[in-house]
Amino acid sequence: MAGRQLAWDLALKRLATPRLENLPTIREKRLQWDPNLRGKFTLSSWVGKSGRGHVVSVVPFRMPDLVLDRDTVLLAVRRETSGLSSLLAVASMDDGLSVWRALDRAAAEGANELHIHRLAETVEARTAIAEDLVE
């Protein structure tokens, strides 16, 4: 019985500890999946100002090689060797030339990953996601 009480006390202490106040408003939340799939594709997610998560596929950032669908939201990311990520630019492909300008600036700032959100079906949904991921 004492073991249950100790576990309950620990659970209550964890609930009382404000864990989210030190996290940035917009942040990457790396997804965990079956290790047998690692290397076949890479997924991650970003939590926006709204608290909603947006799942993205991760590819290397190579400007000349970029061939993208129109129905995507792009996130240019700089990944440090420590694993920390910095979101450098967010744009919907619906934004025309401003997308390429944003990606060009991100490349100059050291972007080495492109995170691509492909699940938004409408222009409005893609715009809302892009706005959710910008401070």
Protein backbone atom coordinates (compact mmCIF):
# COMPACT_ATOMS: atom_id res chain seq x y z
CA MET A 1 0.00 0.00 0.00
CA ALA A 2 2.89 2.35 0.75
CA GLY A 3 4.17 1.87 -2.82
CA ARG A 4 0.84 3.04 -4.25
CA GLN A 5 0.83 6.10 -2.01
CA LEU A 6 4.37 6.98 -3.09
CA ALA A 7 3.43 6.62 -6.77
CA TRP A 8 0.32 8.75 -6.24
CA ASP A 9 2.34 11.46 -4.47
CA LEU A 10 4.84 11.50 -7.33
CA ALA A 11 2.03 11.76 -9.90
CA LEU A 12 0.45 14.69 -8.04
CA LYS A 13 3.82 16.44 -7.80
CA ARG A 14 4.34 16.07 -11.57
CA LEU A 15 0.89 17.51 -12.26
CA ALA A 16 1.62 20.49 -10.02
CA THR A 17 4.92 21.26 -11.76
CA PRO A 18 4.43 23.76 -14.62
CA ARG A 19 6.33 22.00 -17.39
CA LEU A 20 5.19 24.00 -20.40
CA GLU A 21 6.02 27.51 -19.25
CA ASN A 22 9.68 27.19 -20.28
CA LEU A 23 8.90 25.91 -23.78
CA PRO A 24 8.86 28.33 -26.70
CA THR A 25 5.42 29.05 -28.10
CA ILE A 26 6.32 27.65 -31.51
CA ARG A 27 8.46 24.54 -31.26
CA GLU A 28 9.34 21.30 -32.95
CA LYS A 29 8.03 18.13 -31.37
CA ARG A 30 9.91 15.23 -32.89
CA LEU A 31 7.80 12.19 -33.59
CA GLN A 32 8.69 8.75 -32.39
CA TRP A 33 7.95 5.78 -34.59
CA ASP A 34 9.04 2.22 -35.27
CA PRO A 35 12.86 2.15 -35.41
CA ASN A 36 12.66 -0.31 -38.32
CA LEU A 37 11.25 2.53 -40.44
CA ARG A 38 14.05 4.97 -39.62
CA GLY A 39 15.91 6.02 -42.73
CA LYS A 40 13.00 5.25 -45.05
CA PHE A 41 11.30 8.55 -44.27
CA THR A 42 11.53 11.16 -41.58
CA LEU A 43 8.54 12.78 -39.93
CA SER A 44 8.35 15.50 -37.34
CA SER A 45 5.74 17.96 -36.12
CA TRP A 46 5.64 21.61 -35.18
CA VAL A 47 3.42 23.02 -32.44
CA GLY A 48 2.07 26.44 -33.36
CA LYS A 49 0.82 29.40 -31.31
CA SER A 50 -2.59 27.74 -31.19
CA GLY A 51 -1.15 24.66 -29.51
CA ARG A 52 -2.05 22.52 -32.54
CA GLY A 53 0.52 20.17 -34.00
CA HIS A 54 1.34 20.12 -37.70
CA VAL A 55 2.96 16.94 -39.07
CA VAL A 56 5.73 17.46 -41.62
CA SER A 57 8.05 15.33 -43.68
CA VAL A 58 11.72 16.28 -43.42
CA VAL A 59 14.08 16.49 -46.39
CA PRO A 60 17.53 18.04 -46.88
CA PHE A 61 17.46 21.73 -47.83
CA ARG A 62 18.93 22.05 -51.31
CA MET A 63 17.64 25.08 -53.19
CA PRO A 64 18.37 23.95 -56.77
CA ASP A 65 16.76 20.56 -56.15
CA LEU A 66 13.46 21.91 -54.82
CA VAL A 67 10.52 20.68 -56.83
CA LEU A 68 7.40 21.02 -54.76
CA ASP A 69 3.68 20.52 -54.96
CA ARG A 70 1.54 23.62 -54.91
CA ASP A 71 -0.53 22.30 -51.99
CA THR A 72 2.19 22.50 -49.33
CA VAL A 73 3.39 24.62 -46.45
CA LEU A 74 7.18 24.90 -46.27
CA LEU A 75 9.27 25.37 -43.15
CA ALA A 76 12.96 26.18 -43.58
CA VAL A 77 14.86 24.84 -40.57
CA ARG A 78 18.42 25.01 -39.32
CA ARG A 79 19.27 21.86 -37.34
CA GLU A 80 22.27 22.16 -35.04
CA THR A 81 24.60 19.22 -34.45
CA SER A 82 23.11 19.04 -30.95
CA GLY A 83 19.73 18.28 -32.50
CA LEU A 84 18.15 21.63 -31.67
CA SER A 85 16.17 23.23 -34.46
CA SER A 86 15.53 26.84 -35.41
CA LEU A 87 12.60 27.75 -37.61
CA LEU A 88 13.93 30.29 -40.12
CA ALA A 89 11.03 30.72 -42.55
CA VAL A 90 7.45 29.55 -43.05
CA ALA A 91 5.51 29.98 -46.29
CA SER A 92 2.62 28.47 -48.16
CA MET A 93 3.35 27.57 -51.78
CA ASP A 94 0.22 29.59 -52.58
CA ASP A 95 2.23 32.74 -51.79
CA GLY A 96 3.98 32.82 -55.18
CA LEU A 97 7.36 34.51 -55.46
CA SER A 98 7.51 35.44 -51.77
CA VAL A 99 8.03 31.73 -51.02
CA TRP A 100 11.24 31.67 -53.02
CA ARG A 101 12.46 34.92 -51.46
CA ALA A 102 11.83 33.48 -47.97
CA LEU A 103 13.65 30.26 -48.86
CA ASP A 104 16.55 32.23 -50.32
CA ARG A 105 16.88 34.24 -47.08
CA ALA A 106 16.66 31.03 -45.03
CA ALA A 107 19.43 29.46 -47.14
CA ALA A 108 21.61 32.49 -46.39
CA GLU A 109 20.86 32.00 -42.66
CA GLY A 110 22.04 28.38 -42.77
CA ALA A 111 18.88 26.34 -43.38
CA ASN A 112 19.78 22.69 -43.76
CA GLU A 113 16.36 21.03 -43.59
CA LEU A 114 13.06 21.63 -45.33
CA HIS A 115 9.97 20.52 -43.43
CA ILE A 116 6.99 20.03 -45.73
CA HIS A 117 3.37 19.96 -44.55
CA ARG A 118 1.15 18.30 -47.17
CA LEU A 119 -2.09 17.67 -45.27
CA ALA A 120 -3.85 21.02 -45.69
CA GLU A 121 -6.33 20.74 -48.55
CA THR A 122 -7.37 24.38 -49.07
CA VAL A 123 -5.61 27.70 -49.50
CA GLU A 124 -7.31 28.91 -46.31
CA ALA A 125 -6.05 25.91 -44.32
CA ARG A 126 -2.49 26.36 -45.60
CA THR A 127 -2.60 30.09 -44.80
CA ALA A 128 -3.87 29.36 -41.28
CA ILE A 129 -1.05 26.86 -40.68
CA ALA A 130 1.59 29.29 -41.94
CA GLU A 131 0.20 32.03 -39.68
CA ASP A 132 0.09 29.62 -36.72
CA LEU A 133 3.81 28.92 -37.12
CA VAL A 134 5.00 32.54 -37.27
CA GLU A 135 5.65 34.57 -34.08
